Amino acid sequence: MESPYQFIERLSTKLDMCIPSFENNSSLQTFATSEVVKTTTKDVSHESTTPTTTEVQRTSTPRADQDSTLENNSSLQTFATSEVVQTTTKDVSHESTTPTTTEVQRTSTPRADQDSTLGVHTTTGVQSTRNYLSDQNTTIGSRGKGFVVLFMKHYSVSTKRVYITSDSAVQINISTSENLDSTLKNQIDKMIDIPSSQLVTIPGAMELNSFQKEVKSIYIESSQDVVVTSNTYRSATSGSTTHIPLNKLSTEYVVVSTEPTLRKSQLAVAAIADNTWISITFKMRRNVPLYISGNAFYNNSVFNITLHRFETYQIAHATDLTGTVIESSSPIAAFSGNDCNKLESIGACDHLIEQLPPIVSVDKMYIIPPNSDDRDTLIRITALESSNLTYSIYDVDHTVSLEQYHTFDTKISSNQTCFIGSQKPVLVTIFGLHHVSSRFGDPSMTIVPGVNQYLNYYKIVVPSGYTKSYVSIMMKYSSRDFFRINGSQIRTEDIVFESSLNVNNFTYNIRVINVNEGELTTSTVDGERFGLICTGSSIDEAYGFSGNSLLP
């Protein structure tokens, strides 16, 4: 077997040959945004005392940047894009966040245009162009050769698990910062050969602490495309997320969390390049002060910080931070959720975490499956632009008008489905709730894949340690009989829910299927795309993650 150094040299040489082939879907490319910023809010290291107003000016021209975002033997190529933006923040602490809602019986069914082209983004106070990737036809999704993993704060001691899945034998390099404590580094850094999947356990000391610059990102590089998911596990509280490849990280994200009932809502960022400037514009459900380094930040205040590669920073607050905007000068990884939250005052609290998808990779149409085991589902719709949308439950259409970065919540039971269609891209997140009459299940958080984010093949690992696990499948009814799990047709006794939904002249089939822990491959014989969400639950705990949350 070749040495680690021979592997790195061979991998670097092989991938360097692929760097020019951006048109050929090289999966070790990232997109950066170069920007010039003028702001009245300084980096926290300079103890800014004027957090509520910022003016940002960015210039926008595509460029190719040959600087690597990974040190030493990295073969990543960075593509930078800059954009001209002029914005002045204002205090919206007295603005209503409750959208107007109208309920109507279905006479016509306005839906988002499935064949929409690239859109122009214009909002009050902001002049910019967002080239949404709707309706692109590649099928890469969340697969890639490079990932950054971090673990946000959990309220208690828990096991940090990373699942890596590939279609064939692959070599994996796991690395951390040279500035990380050597005891921790020696436990994490390794090069391994995996046949098709691997569980990697991460020391609990890698969990982030709030309001501290730390070097707690974990880099995973592979010789072939893999899927990476992580799972925070502890009896009575756990959470999972699907990770986004380095080549699909971006410079703008919108946070989703929930109003804390016991503890804190959270967001976290990780830089993948040195001297990355990050600006966070807070959206607070309740306008209560957030103190960072002695400075008070309120709704619509702006916090700036500069991070280097491997550095992470976490923010926690006593109110819901949904709608908070994260922008950066180079691509970053962004996460949000809650350290442990009890929703609707039912059951116990559970760890909520999701890696956020880039704004430009968010969809307009969503099919929401139910949770099983008599667990209701809270649906949160977050507007990326001011928009009108329609959501349908039980063949009744409801129309909603949302302002930019505002949210609307609705709920479905364990025997209902929901369709959401919007004029502009919206971020849809579901929260599984506690069982209505027992201790089974708890809150879980999952970013829902949009219809245009569906793929025709997934390979994941269903986490171990849960009483029940399921996959929810959303697909065109015409391909229902062509669906396969691990190469076989579904057994009737494994289907715990099934329903149909009419969307844009197509009938979709929604099924919730009982599955076992371990490797899981799903595909369609006819190549039709479908959405996949994996969930699981036990006494006082639950998890959920999607097979893909990116436009291909």
Foldseek 3Di string as FASTA:
>chain_A
DDDPVVVLVVLLVVLLVCAVPVVVVAQQEAEFEAFDFDFQADAVVVVRADFFKTWGFGCWDKDWDQDDLDPDSDNHTYTYTIKTKTAIWDDCQPPDLDWDKDWDFDPDDDFADQPDAFDQDDDVRIHTGFGFPRPDPDFCFQWHFKFKDAAEAAPDDWKKKKKKFAPAKKKKFKAFDPPPDPVQRVQTTDIDIDGTMDIDIHDSVLYDDALDKDLNIMMMGMSDIIWMKMKTDDVQAIEIETTHGNRQFYFKFFAFEAQAPDFWKKKKKAGSAAFKKKKKFFAFPHFDWFAHSRHTDTHRTIHIHTDHHSIMHMHIDNTTRGLIMMGIRTGMKMKIYTSWGAPPPDAGTYGEMYTTGHPSFFDFKFKFAADPPFWKKKKKKFAQAFWWKWKDKPSIIMIITGHHRRIDIDMDTNQIMMMMGINDGIWMKMWTDAHPPAQKAHTEIETGAGPLNFFFKFKDFADDDFPWKKKKKKFFPVQQQQKDKVRHGADPVQWPYWDWDDDPNTIIIITIGTDDGTIIMMGGPVGGTMWIKMKGIHRNYIYIYTRGRGRD
